[in-house]
């Protein structure tokens, strides 16, 4: 049949209602079938990724068991109790071997992930790295230290999914620069950790690897997007981890899990070889940084990373080595502080932590200067939200093609894909009653962020909060305390200083929030039931002054520890 004859048959059939009806039904059935087949294919890819994860963990378990059987006298409890600085010293003097530390942490990481689901992959090359260390004449600053890595940071021979199906199957041919530098310094990357889908989320859940729980309270989230790192380190399965931060993704999970975490200036550490669902974003600075149990660990990691090898591998990174003199200085600090930013009202535990830390610093001889952060609403709505989603979220929505949206992201995703006109209407209509909605729906159009940056000449500090699983949207307003320093590109870190008390919980009953809108009510519900969970303060310095930021964090850590010992 020729094409002309085919069209004649079709033209004749259009006049027959029964034929037309049959064609419509067939079309609908075909669409439904295609959708079903697409979803089935996506689920198949996810199942294959889970099987690969399970096989990797089995391999890891066999390696840890084999070492334990061959070395029954290994003091695993003692190894796990040592700080990273202590481990480094014992590795240097030979009283501990890299093998004993690596396989001890392998075993502990397996225990932790069975409990909270935080490990997504075993870096099988870690045993090869272990053998290489034996042949190295010079021992690097992180010699023999096992390190966990956030899942979207490239490791040779592994997949970086970012919690998304679209990236599955793309096996990386080489290590990211940060992995290469860690290995150069003698570290042993050994596991990779879970992230939320797209990593633009403050929870830690994706449909490939599932939900990660907070090891301190399984009803609470470990935070995101470096939630797998936070959960593993807090559970004792890693002593040092590498996370990333574009709005608080190192600081939030560190705070939620009672850890120390540092977000450096955006380009202080190389980001070559890192998967991101948002490409081409320049107005809000993302950063890679360390997470650990204490500040000295962070400082040692930064000192190791800021070396000639990194500057050689990535010439775009300014060759600024770690300034030990600034970090170890005892000179009194001049510190700016605020108890609230006028956008999100701190919960009682947060406010108390700020007040107590302020007093500790003043009593220790530091100068504290109160101030009010300017134009926070403008920063959140215009500079951060519209800067992050200057295309209206179009690229992020496109990333979900060939994927299934995680339940924790559905409401966020549905907002992103609204037509631009509808978003603007919502912003106008909802602003009087739901203030935070304005920042979520105004992500339309292009935005040029001013090149000039203004900031106080002193360090700043604030606080973040705990939340239950799946409540990322309800605590979105609280990130005004973290994302401001991504917009400004200031180094910022968090240090745990206290825990939520029953008195805090009782006072929370009277919490109204800054606006008294439904978002404030939801956030109140989100932070309830947190007695005993950690409360942290955030320490901030000016760009490229990570050493000063860490020195400030160390001061806060030392004073907080001293206060707890005296209670």
Protein backbone atom coordinates (compact mmCIF):
# COMPACT_ATOMS: atom_id res chain seq x y z
CA UNK A 1 0.00 0.00 0.00
CA UNK A 2 1.39 3.37 -0.97
CA UNK A 3 1.44 6.38 1.35
CA UNK A 4 -1.35 8.00 -0.72
CA UNK A 5 -3.56 4.90 -0.42
CA UNK A 6 -2.93 4.83 3.34
CA UNK A 7 -4.08 8.41 3.71
CA UNK A 8 -7.22 7.61 1.69
CA UNK A 9 -8.10 4.79 4.10
CA UNK A 10 -7.47 7.03 7.09
CA UNK A 11 -9.51 9.88 5.59
CA UNK A 12 -12.42 7.50 5.04
CA UNK A 13 -12.23 6.18 8.60
CA UNK A 14 -12.40 9.66 10.21
CA UNK A 15 -16.08 9.84 9.30
CA UNK A 16 -16.86 6.61 11.16
CA UNK A 17 -17.44 7.33 14.89
CA UNK A 18 -16.75 3.72 15.84
CA UNK A 19 -13.39 3.76 14.05
CA UNK A 20 -12.50 7.12 15.60
CA UNK A 21 -13.42 5.82 19.06
CA UNK A 22 -11.33 2.71 18.51
CA UNK A 23 -8.37 4.82 17.39
CA UNK A 24 -8.63 7.04 20.49
CA UNK A 25 -8.89 4.02 22.79
CA UNK A 26 -5.89 2.46 21.08
CA UNK A 27 -3.90 5.68 21.47
CA UNK A 28 -4.71 5.93 25.17
CA UNK A 29 -3.84 2.26 25.66
CA UNK A 30 -0.55 2.78 23.81
CA UNK A 31 0.35 5.78 26.02
CA UNK A 32 -0.49 3.84 29.19
CA UNK A 33 1.56 0.87 27.98
CA UNK A 34 4.54 3.07 27.14
CA UNK A 35 4.35 4.73 30.57
CA UNK A 36 4.17 1.31 32.22
CA UNK A 37 7.14 0.02 30.22
CA UNK A 38 9.15 3.16 31.03
CA UNK A 39 8.41 2.82 34.74
CA UNK A 40 9.27 -0.88 34.61
CA UNK A 41 12.60 -0.08 32.95
CA UNK A 42 13.37 2.53 35.63
CA UNK A 43 12.53 0.07 38.41
CA UNK A 44 14.73 -2.54 36.74
CA UNK A 45 17.69 -0.13 36.76
CA UNK A 46 17.10 0.65 40.43
CA UNK A 47 16.94 -3.06 41.29
CA UNK A 48 20.22 -3.66 39.47
CA UNK A 49 21.84 -0.79 41.43
CA UNK A 50 20.57 -2.26 44.72
CA UNK A 51 21.92 -5.70 43.80
CA UNK A 52 25.29 -4.14 42.97
CA UNK A 53 25.26 -2.37 46.36
CA UNK A 54 24.40 -5.62 48.17
CA UNK A 55 27.18 -7.51 46.37
CA UNK A 56 29.65 -4.75 47.23
CA UNK A 57 28.70 -4.90 50.92
CA UNK A 58 29.02 -8.71 50.85
CA UNK A 59 32.53 -8.32 49.46
CA UNK A 60 33.31 -5.78 52.16
CA UNK A 61 31.97 -8.10 54.87
CA UNK A 62 34.07 -11.04 53.61
CA UNK A 63 37.20 -8.87 53.65
CA UNK A 64 36.54 -7.64 57.20
CA UNK A 65 35.73 -11.18 58.42
CA UNK A 66 38.85 -12.63 56.80
CA UNK A 67 41.08 -10.06 58.50
CA UNK A 68 39.42 -10.67 61.87
CA UNK A 69 39.95 -14.42 61.58
CA UNK A 70 43.59 -13.98 60.60
CA UNK A 71 44.21 -11.35 63.31
CA UNK A 72 42.09 -12.35 66.34
CA UNK A 73 44.10 -10.15 68.70
CA UNK A 74 43.18 -6.84 66.99
CA UNK A 75 41.87 -4.37 69.58
CA UNK A 76 38.91 -3.07 67.59
CA UNK A 77 37.27 -1.24 70.51
CA UNK A 78 40.50 0.63 71.25
CA UNK A 79 40.98 1.59 67.59
CA UNK A 80 37.42 2.91 67.33
CA UNK A 81 37.88 4.98 70.50
CA UNK A 82 40.90 6.91 69.21
CA UNK A 83 40.66 10.33 67.58
CA UNK A 84 42.01 10.75 64.07
CA UNK A 85 44.99 12.75 65.35
CA UNK A 86 45.79 9.89 67.75
CA UNK A 87 45.45 7.34 64.94
CA UNK A 88 47.85 9.33 62.77
CA UNK A 89 50.46 9.34 65.55
CA UNK A 90 50.13 5.59 66.16
CA UNK A 91 50.36 4.87 62.45
CA UNK A 92 53.52 6.95 62.19
CA UNK A 93 55.25 5.25 65.13
CA UNK A 94 54.14 1.81 63.93
CA UNK A 95 52.11 0.86 67.01
CA UNK A 96 49.08 0.42 64.74
CA UNK A 97 49.00 -0.84 61.17
CA UNK A 98 46.89 0.61 58.33
CA UNK A 99 45.35 -2.88 57.88
CA UNK A 100 44.07 -3.07 61.45
CA UNK A 101 42.43 0.36 61.19
CA UNK A 102 40.91 -0.13 57.73
CA UNK A 103 39.34 -3.52 58.45
CA UNK A 104 38.15 -2.39 61.88
CA UNK A 105 36.29 0.52 60.30
CA UNK A 106 34.98 -1.74 57.55
CA UNK A 107 33.36 -3.95 60.17
CA UNK A 108 31.95 -1.00 62.09
CA UNK A 109 30.62 0.67 58.92
CA UNK A 110 28.73 -2.54 58.09
CA UNK A 111 27.14 -2.52 61.55
CA UNK A 112 26.10 1.10 61.22
CA UNK A 113 24.63 0.77 57.73
CA UNK A 114 22.57 -2.27 58.77
CA UNK A 115 21.04 -0.01 61.40
CA UNK A 116 20.55 3.25 59.50
CA UNK A 117 21.14 2.49 55.77
CA UNK A 118 23.93 4.97 55.07
CA UNK A 119 26.50 3.13 52.90
CA UNK A 120 25.77 2.77 49.17
CA UNK A 121 29.02 1.23 47.94
CA UNK A 122 32.28 -0.39 48.99
CA UNK A 123 35.29 1.15 47.27
CA UNK A 124 36.97 -2.10 46.27
CA UNK A 125 40.16 -0.28 45.31
CA UNK A 126 40.82 0.48 48.99
CA UNK A 127 42.70 -2.81 49.39
CA UNK A 128 44.91 -1.91 46.44
CA UNK A 129 45.54 1.48 48.05
CA UNK A 130 46.48 -0.34 51.25
CA UNK A 131 49.14 -2.32 49.39
CA UNK A 132 50.50 0.82 47.71
CA UNK A 133 51.05 2.43 51.11
CA UNK A 134 53.54 -0.32 51.98
CA UNK A 135 55.71 0.70 49.04
CA UNK A 136 55.55 4.47 49.65
CA UNK A 137 58.73 5.91 51.09
CA UNK A 138 57.07 9.10 52.32
CA UNK A 139 54.01 8.89 54.55
CA UNK A 140 51.40 11.52 53.79
CA UNK A 141 49.56 13.57 56.39
CA UNK A 142 46.62 11.14 56.29
CA UNK A 143 48.70 7.96 56.06
CA UNK A 144 46.52 4.91 56.74
CA UNK A 145 43.34 6.84 57.60
CA UNK A 146 40.13 5.28 56.16
CA UNK A 147 37.79 7.93 54.72
CA UNK A 148 34.14 7.81 53.66
CA UNK A 149 33.03 9.70 50.56
CA UNK A 150 29.69 11.26 49.60
CA UNK A 151 28.15 9.24 46.77
CA UNK A 152 28.25 11.90 44.05
CA UNK A 153 32.02 12.38 44.25
CA UNK A 154 33.65 10.34 41.48
CA UNK A 155 35.66 7.24 42.35
CA UNK A 156 37.32 5.24 39.58
CA UNK A 157 35.32 2.13 38.66
CA UNK A 158 32.17 3.30 40.48
CA UNK A 159 28.93 5.08 39.61
CA UNK A 160 28.05 8.56 40.93
CA UNK A 161 24.24 8.66 40.81
CA UNK A 162 23.32 11.61 43.01
CA UNK A 163 20.29 9.48 43.91
CA UNK A 164 19.05 9.61 40.30
CA UNK A 165 18.41 6.82 37.80
CA UNK A 166 19.70 8.92 34.86
CA UNK A 167 23.28 8.62 36.18
CA UNK A 168 23.16 4.86 36.80
CA UNK A 169 25.36 2.82 34.48
CA UNK A 170 27.89 5.64 34.01
CA UNK A 171 31.01 4.03 35.51
CA UNK A 172 33.69 6.63 36.18
CA UNK A 173 37.03 6.14 34.46
CA UNK A 174 39.08 8.15 36.94
CA UNK A 175 39.02 9.50 40.47
CA UNK A 176 37.89 13.04 41.20
CA UNK A 177 40.70 15.43 42.10
CA UNK A 178 39.86 15.34 45.81
CA UNK A 179 40.09 11.52 45.85
CA UNK A 180 43.45 11.67 44.07
CA UNK A 181 44.77 14.14 46.63
CA UNK A 182 43.48 12.09 49.58
CA UNK A 183 45.28 9.02 48.19
CA UNK A 184 48.42 11.10 47.59
CA UNK A 185 48.34 11.99 51.30
CA UNK A 186 48.04 8.31 52.25
CA UNK A 187 44.31 8.21 53.03
CA UNK A 188 42.23 5.16 52.10
CA UNK A 189 38.75 5.99 50.72
CA UNK A 190 36.75 2.86 51.57
CA UNK A 191 32.99 3.47 51.37
CA UNK A 192 30.54 5.81 49.66
CA UNK A 193 27.49 7.21 51.43
CA UNK A 194 23.85 7.94 50.69
CA UNK A 195 22.36 11.21 49.41
CA UNK A 196 18.83 12.49 48.72
CA UNK A 197 17.56 12.40 45.17
CA UNK A 198 19.02 15.43 43.27
CA UNK A 199 20.84 16.43 46.49
CA UNK A 200 18.65 19.55 46.63
CA UNK A 201 16.96 18.33 49.80
CA UNK A 202 17.54 18.53 53.54
CA UNK A 203 16.45 14.93 54.12
CA UNK A 204 18.41 11.86 52.95
CA UNK A 205 16.20 9.61 50.83
CA UNK A 206 16.13 8.33 47.27
CA UNK A 207 14.27 5.51 45.56
CA UNK A 208 17.47 3.68 44.57
CA UNK A 209 19.06 3.16 47.98
CA UNK A 210 16.23 4.18 50.32
CA UNK A 211 15.95 6.36 53.43
CA UNK A 212 18.89 6.99 55.76
CA UNK A 213 18.06 7.32 59.46
CA UNK A 214 19.69 9.40 62.17
CA UNK A 215 21.72 7.01 64.38
CA UNK A 216 20.96 9.17 67.44
CA UNK A 217 17.19 8.85 66.94
CA UNK A 218 15.70 6.71 64.20
CA UNK A 219 12.59 8.87 64.08
CA UNK A 220 14.69 11.83 62.97
CA UNK A 221 16.48 12.62 59.73
CA UNK A 222 20.30 12.76 59.61
CA UNK A 223 19.86 15.85 57.44
CA UNK A 224 20.99 16.38 53.87
CA UNK A 225 22.32 16.30 51.46
CA UNK A 226 25.45 14.78 53.07
CA UNK A 227 23.16 12.74 55.32
CA UNK A 228 24.83 9.39 54.67
CA UNK A 229 28.15 10.88 55.77
CA UNK A 230 26.62 12.35 58.91
CA UNK A 231 24.91 9.10 59.85
CA UNK A 232 27.99 6.91 59.25
CA UNK A 233 30.42 9.14 61.19
CA UNK A 234 27.96 9.69 64.05
CA UNK A 235 27.38 5.93 64.25
CA UNK A 236 31.13 5.34 64.55
CA UNK A 237 31.58 3.73 61.11
CA UNK A 238 33.96 6.39 59.80
CA UNK A 239 36.35 8.83 61.40
CA UNK A 240 36.51 11.34 58.53
CA UNK A 241 34.20 12.00 55.61
CA UNK A 242 33.98 14.28 52.60
CA UNK A 243 30.65 16.02 51.93
CA UNK A 244 29.43 18.89 49.78
CA UNK A 245 27.43 22.01 50.57
CA UNK A 246 25.34 24.38 48.44
CA UNK A 247 22.85 25.53 51.10
CA UNK A 248 23.91 23.81 54.30
CA UNK A 249 24.44 20.24 53.08
CA UNK A 250 27.57 19.72 55.21
CA UNK A 251 26.48 21.88 58.14
CA UNK A 252 22.93 20.56 58.52
CA UNK A 253 23.79 16.84 58.78
CA UNK A 254 26.79 17.67 60.96
CA UNK A 255 24.48 19.60 63.27
CA UNK A 256 21.74 16.95 63.26
CA UNK A 257 24.23 14.16 64.00
CA UNK A 258 26.37 15.96 66.60
CA UNK A 259 29.46 16.35 64.42
CA UNK A 260 31.81 19.09 63.32
CA UNK A 261 31.65 20.08 59.66
CA UNK A 262 33.28 22.75 57.51
CA UNK A 263 32.03 24.37 54.31
CA UNK A 264 35.08 26.11 52.84
CA UNK A 265 35.10 29.02 50.40
CA UNK A 266 33.70 27.66 47.14
CA UNK A 267 36.94 27.26 45.22
CA UNK A 268 39.33 26.48 48.07
CA UNK A 269 39.03 22.73 47.32
CA UNK A 270 38.78 21.33 43.79
CA UNK A 271 35.33 20.22 42.61
CA UNK A 272 36.54 18.50 39.44
CA UNK A 273 34.89 15.10 39.17
CA UNK A 274 31.67 15.77 41.08
CA UNK A 275 28.20 14.92 39.75
CA UNK A 276 25.54 17.64 40.07
CA UNK A 277 21.94 17.83 38.81
CA UNK A 278 22.31 21.61 38.46
CA UNK A 279 24.99 22.45 35.91
CA UNK A 280 26.24 25.91 35.09
CA UNK A 281 25.16 27.40 38.43
CA UNK A 282 27.48 30.27 39.35
CA UNK A 283 25.50 32.65 41.57
CA UNK A 284 25.45 30.38 44.64
CA UNK A 285 28.78 28.81 45.55
CA UNK A 286 28.90 25.09 46.28
CA UNK A 287 31.86 23.58 48.13
CA UNK A 288 33.41 20.27 49.13
CA UNK A 289 34.47 19.95 52.74
CA UNK A 290 35.28 17.60 55.62
CA UNK A 291 33.00 16.17 58.33
CA UNK A 292 34.37 14.61 61.52
CA UNK A 293 33.93 14.19 65.26
CA UNK A 294 36.16 17.09 66.27
CA UNK A 295 37.68 20.26 64.86
CA UNK A 296 41.29 19.03 64.88
CA UNK A 297 40.26 16.32 62.41
CA UNK A 298 38.82 18.95 60.08
CA UNK A 299 41.98 21.05 60.34
CA UNK A 300 44.23 18.08 59.59
CA UNK A 301 42.11 17.17 56.57
CA UNK A 302 42.24 20.73 55.22
CA UNK A 303 45.99 20.88 55.79
CA UNK A 304 46.37 17.63 53.82
CA UNK A 305 44.12 18.74 50.96
CA UNK A 306 45.65 22.20 50.50
CA UNK A 307 48.87 20.89 49.01
CA UNK A 308 50.89 21.19 45.81
CA UNK A 309 49.28 18.03 44.40
CA UNK A 310 45.83 19.64 44.42
CA UNK A 311 47.13 22.86 42.90
CA UNK A 312 48.84 20.81 40.18
CA UNK A 313 45.79 18.66 39.37
CA UNK A 314 43.43 21.65 39.29
CA UNK A 315 45.14 24.93 38.32
CA UNK A 316 41.88 26.83 38.91
CA UNK A 317 42.28 26.33 42.67
CA UNK A 318 44.27 29.22 44.20
CA UNK A 319 47.59 27.84 45.52
CA UNK A 320 46.97 28.88 49.12
CA UNK A 321 48.45 26.37 51.57
CA UNK A 322 47.03 25.84 55.06
CA UNK A 323 48.14 28.55 57.49
CA UNK A 324 49.00 26.63 60.67
CA UNK A 325 49.95 29.82 62.51
CA UNK A 326 46.41 31.23 62.21
CA UNK A 327 44.80 27.97 63.35
CA UNK A 328 47.01 27.59 66.43
CA UNK A 329 46.89 31.28 67.43
CA UNK A 330 45.64 32.20 70.90
CA UNK A 331 44.98 35.84 70.10
CA UNK A 332 41.54 37.01 71.38
CA UNK A 333 38.87 37.17 68.69
CA UNK A 334 36.40 39.89 67.80
CA UNK A 335 33.14 38.06 67.09
CA UNK A 336 29.88 39.34 65.67
CA UNK A 337 26.77 37.39 66.68
CA UNK A 338 23.00 37.37 66.32
CA UNK A 339 20.29 35.37 68.05
CA UNK A 340 17.84 35.64 65.15
CA UNK A 341 18.01 36.82 61.55
CA UNK A 342 14.45 38.20 61.30
CA UNK A 343 13.45 35.47 58.82
CA UNK A 344 13.34 32.35 60.97
CA UNK A 345 12.84 32.45 64.74
CA UNK A 346 15.22 30.05 66.52
CA UNK A 347 13.68 27.34 68.68
CA UNK A 348 14.27 27.55 72.47
CA UNK A 349 17.21 25.11 72.37
CA UNK A 350 18.88 27.09 69.58
CA UNK A 351 18.46 30.40 71.34
CA UNK A 352 19.79 28.95 74.59
CA UNK A 353 22.84 27.47 72.82
CA UNK A 354 23.66 30.86 71.29
CA UNK A 355 23.33 32.67 74.61
CA UNK A 356 25.42 30.10 76.49
CA UNK A 357 28.17 30.10 73.87
CA UNK A 358 28.23 33.89 73.76
CA UNK A 359 28.79 33.98 77.53
CA UNK A 360 31.54 31.33 77.35
CA UNK A 361 33.37 33.31 74.69
CA UNK A 362 33.04 36.58 76.59
CA UNK A 363 34.27 35.00 79.81
CA UNK A 364 37.25 33.61 77.89
CA UNK A 365 38.30 37.15 76.91
CA UNK A 366 36.87 37.45 73.41
CA UNK A 367 34.96 40.54 72.25
CA UNK A 368 31.33 39.86 71.26
CA UNK A 369 29.52 42.37 69.06
CA UNK A 370 25.75 42.00 68.51
CA UNK A 371 24.39 42.89 65.08
CA UNK A 372 21.37 42.35 62.84
CA UNK A 373 21.97 40.70 59.43
CA UNK A 374 20.68 43.05 56.72
CA UNK A 375 18.12 42.17 54.04
CA UNK A 376 17.82 38.47 54.89
CA UNK A 377 14.45 38.13 53.13
CA UNK A 378 15.93 39.66 49.97
CA UNK A 379 18.90 37.30 50.25
CA UNK A 380 16.70 34.19 50.62
CA UNK A 381 14.09 35.09 48.00
CA UNK A 382 16.17 36.85 45.37
CA UNK A 383 19.86 36.03 45.72
CA UNK A 384 19.64 32.43 46.92
CA UNK A 385 16.39 30.93 45.59
CA UNK A 386 16.28 32.81 42.30
CA UNK A 387 20.05 32.50 41.97
CA UNK A 388 19.95 28.74 42.49
CA UNK A 389 16.96 28.31 40.16
CA UNK A 390 17.51 31.18 37.76
CA UNK A 391 16.00 29.06 34.96
CA UNK A 392 12.82 28.53 36.98
CA UNK A 393 13.92 24.99 37.87
CA UNK A 394 13.58 23.85 34.24
CA UNK A 395 16.88 21.96 34.16
CA UNK A 396 16.15 20.25 37.48
CA UNK A 397 12.72 19.15 36.25
CA UNK A 398 14.36 17.81 33.07
CA UNK A 399 16.64 15.70 35.25
CA UNK A 400 13.60 13.72 36.38
CA UNK A 401 12.88 12.48 32.87
CA UNK A 402 13.43 8.75 33.02
CA UNK A 403 13.19 8.80 36.82
CA UNK A 404 10.58 8.41 39.56
CA UNK A 405 10.25 11.26 42.05
CA UNK A 406 11.02 10.34 45.67
CA UNK A 407 8.02 10.99 48.00
CA UNK A 408 10.08 13.46 50.08
CA UNK A 409 10.58 15.58 46.95
CA UNK A 410 7.15 15.39 45.31
CA UNK A 411 5.72 18.65 46.65
CA UNK A 412 9.01 20.43 45.92
CA UNK A 413 9.12 18.94 42.39
CA UNK A 414 5.49 19.88 41.70
CA UNK A 415 6.31 23.47 42.65
CA UNK A 416 9.29 23.58 40.30
CA UNK A 417 7.29 22.43 37.29
CA UNK A 418 4.47 24.95 37.68
CA UNK A 419 4.25 27.39 34.75
CA UNK A 420 6.05 30.68 35.39
CA UNK A 421 2.80 32.67 35.37
CA UNK A 422 1.20 30.36 37.94
CA UNK A 423 4.28 30.71 40.19
CA UNK A 424 4.02 34.50 40.06
CA UNK A 425 0.29 34.40 40.88
CA UNK A 426 0.94 32.08 43.83
CA UNK A 427 3.72 34.37 45.07
CA UNK A 428 1.35 37.36 45.13
CA UNK A 429 -1.70 35.54 46.52
CA UNK A 430 0.07 33.48 49.19
CA UNK A 431 2.59 36.03 50.45
CA UNK A 432 0.22 37.58 53.07
CA UNK A 433 -0.50 34.19 54.67
CA UNK A 434 2.42 31.90 53.85
CA UNK A 435 5.60 33.95 53.67
CA UNK A 436 8.03 31.16 52.83
CA UNK A 437 5.94 30.19 49.79
CA UNK A 438 7.16 33.36 48.11
CA UNK A 439 10.73 32.14 48.06
CA UNK A 440 9.72 28.72 46.78
CA UNK A 441 7.58 29.90 43.89
CA UNK A 442 9.56 32.95 42.81
CA UNK A 443 12.24 30.84 41.12
CA UNK A 444 11.56 32.17 37.65
CA UNK A 445 13.56 34.17 35.15
CA UNK A 446 17.24 35.04 35.05
CA UNK A 447 19.15 36.81 37.76
CA UNK A 448 22.51 38.53 37.71
CA UNK A 449 24.09 38.42 41.17
CA UNK A 450 26.17 41.51 42.01
CA UNK A 451 29.91 40.86 42.03
CA UNK A 452 30.53 42.99 45.09
CA UNK A 453 30.07 41.21 48.43
CA UNK A 454 29.60 42.94 51.73
CA UNK A 455 30.11 41.42 55.15
CA UNK A 456 31.14 42.17 58.70
CA UNK A 457 34.86 42.14 59.44
CA UNK A 458 34.25 39.78 62.34
CA UNK A 459 33.23 36.16 62.54
CA UNK A 460 29.51 35.39 62.67
CA UNK A 461 27.54 32.56 64.17
CA UNK A 462 24.01 31.18 64.25
CA UNK A 463 22.17 27.85 64.58
CA UNK A 464 20.24 25.14 62.77
CA UNK A 465 17.77 22.49 63.88
CA UNK A 466 16.63 18.86 64.05
CA UNK A 467 13.67 17.53 62.04
CA UNK A 468 11.79 14.27 61.59
CA UNK A 469 12.02 12.07 58.51
CA UNK A 470 10.47 13.45 55.37
CA UNK A 471 9.95 16.99 56.66
CA UNK A 472 12.44 18.83 54.49
CA UNK A 473 9.93 21.44 53.36
CA UNK A 474 8.88 22.28 56.89
CA UNK A 475 12.39 23.37 57.88
CA UNK A 476 13.21 25.23 54.67
CA UNK A 477 13.01 28.62 56.36
CA UNK A 478 15.66 27.63 58.90
CA UNK A 479 18.25 27.36 56.15
CA UNK A 480 18.38 31.14 55.94
CA UNK A 481 21.09 30.71 58.58
CA UNK A 482 23.17 28.49 56.29
CA UNK A 483 22.48 29.47 52.68
CA UNK A 484 23.40 33.12 53.31
CA UNK A 485 27.04 32.01 53.54
CA UNK A 486 26.81 30.14 50.24
CA UNK A 487 25.53 33.33 48.63
CA UNK A 488 28.33 35.36 50.24
CA UNK A 489 30.83 32.50 49.68
CA UNK A 490 32.12 32.68 53.26
CA UNK A 491 33.69 29.65 54.97
CA UNK A 492 31.35 28.33 57.67
CA UNK A 493 31.41 25.41 60.07
CA UNK A 494 29.28 23.93 62.82
CA UNK A 495 30.25 22.70 66.28
CA UNK A 496 27.93 20.81 68.70
CA UNK A 497 27.74 22.68 72.02
CA UNK A 498 24.70 21.30 73.84
CA UNK A 499 21.70 18.96 73.68
CA UNK A 500 17.98 19.64 73.71
CA UNK A 501 16.61 19.62 77.27
CA UNK A 502 13.14 18.91 78.65
CA UNK A 503 12.93 22.59 79.58
CA UNK A 504 13.58 23.46 75.92
CA UNK A 505 10.84 21.06 74.89
CA UNK A 506 8.40 22.60 77.36
CA UNK A 507 9.21 26.13 76.17
CA UNK A 508 8.72 24.99 72.57
CA UNK A 509 4.99 24.68 73.28
CA UNK A 510 4.81 28.51 73.27
CA UNK A 511 6.82 28.83 70.03
CA UNK A 512 5.02 30.93 67.42
CA UNK A 513 7.76 31.65 64.89
CA UNK A 514 8.68 34.89 63.17
CA UNK A 515 5.63 35.07 60.90
CA UNK A 516 3.19 32.80 62.75
CA UNK A 517 2.26 31.25 59.41
CA UNK A 518 1.64 27.54 58.57
CA UNK A 519 5.34 27.07 57.82
CA UNK A 520 6.31 28.19 61.31
CA UNK A 521 3.72 25.80 62.74
CA UNK A 522 5.09 22.93 60.69
CA UNK A 523 8.62 23.70 61.78
CA UNK A 524 7.51 23.65 65.41
CA UNK A 525 6.10 20.16 64.81
CA UNK A 526 9.31 19.15 63.06
CA UNK A 527 11.61 19.96 65.99
CA UNK A 528 9.39 18.43 68.67
CA UNK A 529 10.54 15.25 70.40
CA UNK A 530 14.24 16.12 70.20
CA UNK A 531 15.24 15.80 73.89
CA UNK A 532 18.84 14.59 74.09
CA UNK A 533 19.67 15.41 70.48
CA UNK A 534 22.62 17.72 69.72
CA UNK A 535 22.42 21.47 69.28
CA UNK A 536 25.17 23.22 67.33
CA UNK A 537 26.36 26.74 66.63
CA UNK A 538 27.70 27.96 63.31
CA UNK A 539 31.06 29.74 63.05
CA UNK A 540 31.81 31.93 60.03
CA UNK A 541 34.79 33.86 58.68
CA UNK A 542 35.52 35.96 55.60
CA UNK A 543 36.39 34.31 52.25
CA UNK A 544 39.64 32.32 52.05
CA UNK A 545 40.03 32.40 55.86
CA UNK A 546 39.24 28.74 56.59
CA UNK A 547 42.04 28.62 59.14
CA UNK A 548 40.45 31.46 61.13
CA UNK A 549 37.06 29.79 60.88
CA UNK A 550 38.54 26.52 62.20
CA UNK A 551 40.39 28.37 64.97
CA UNK A 552 37.07 29.96 66.02
CA UNK A 553 35.37 26.54 65.89
CA UNK A 554 38.15 25.04 68.02
CA UNK A 555 37.70 27.77 70.62
CA UNK A 556 33.95 27.11 70.80
CA UNK A 557 34.53 23.33 70.98
CA UNK A 558 37.07 23.67 73.81
CA UNK A 559 34.84 25.98 75.86
CA UNK A 560 31.75 23.81 75.32
CA UNK A 561 33.63 20.67 76.40
CA UNK A 562 34.92 22.48 79.48
CA UNK A 563 31.40 23.59 80.41
CA UNK A 564 30.02 20.05 80.07
CA UNK A 565 32.81 18.64 82.27
CA UNK A 566 32.02 21.19 84.99
CA UNK A 567 28.26 20.57 84.99
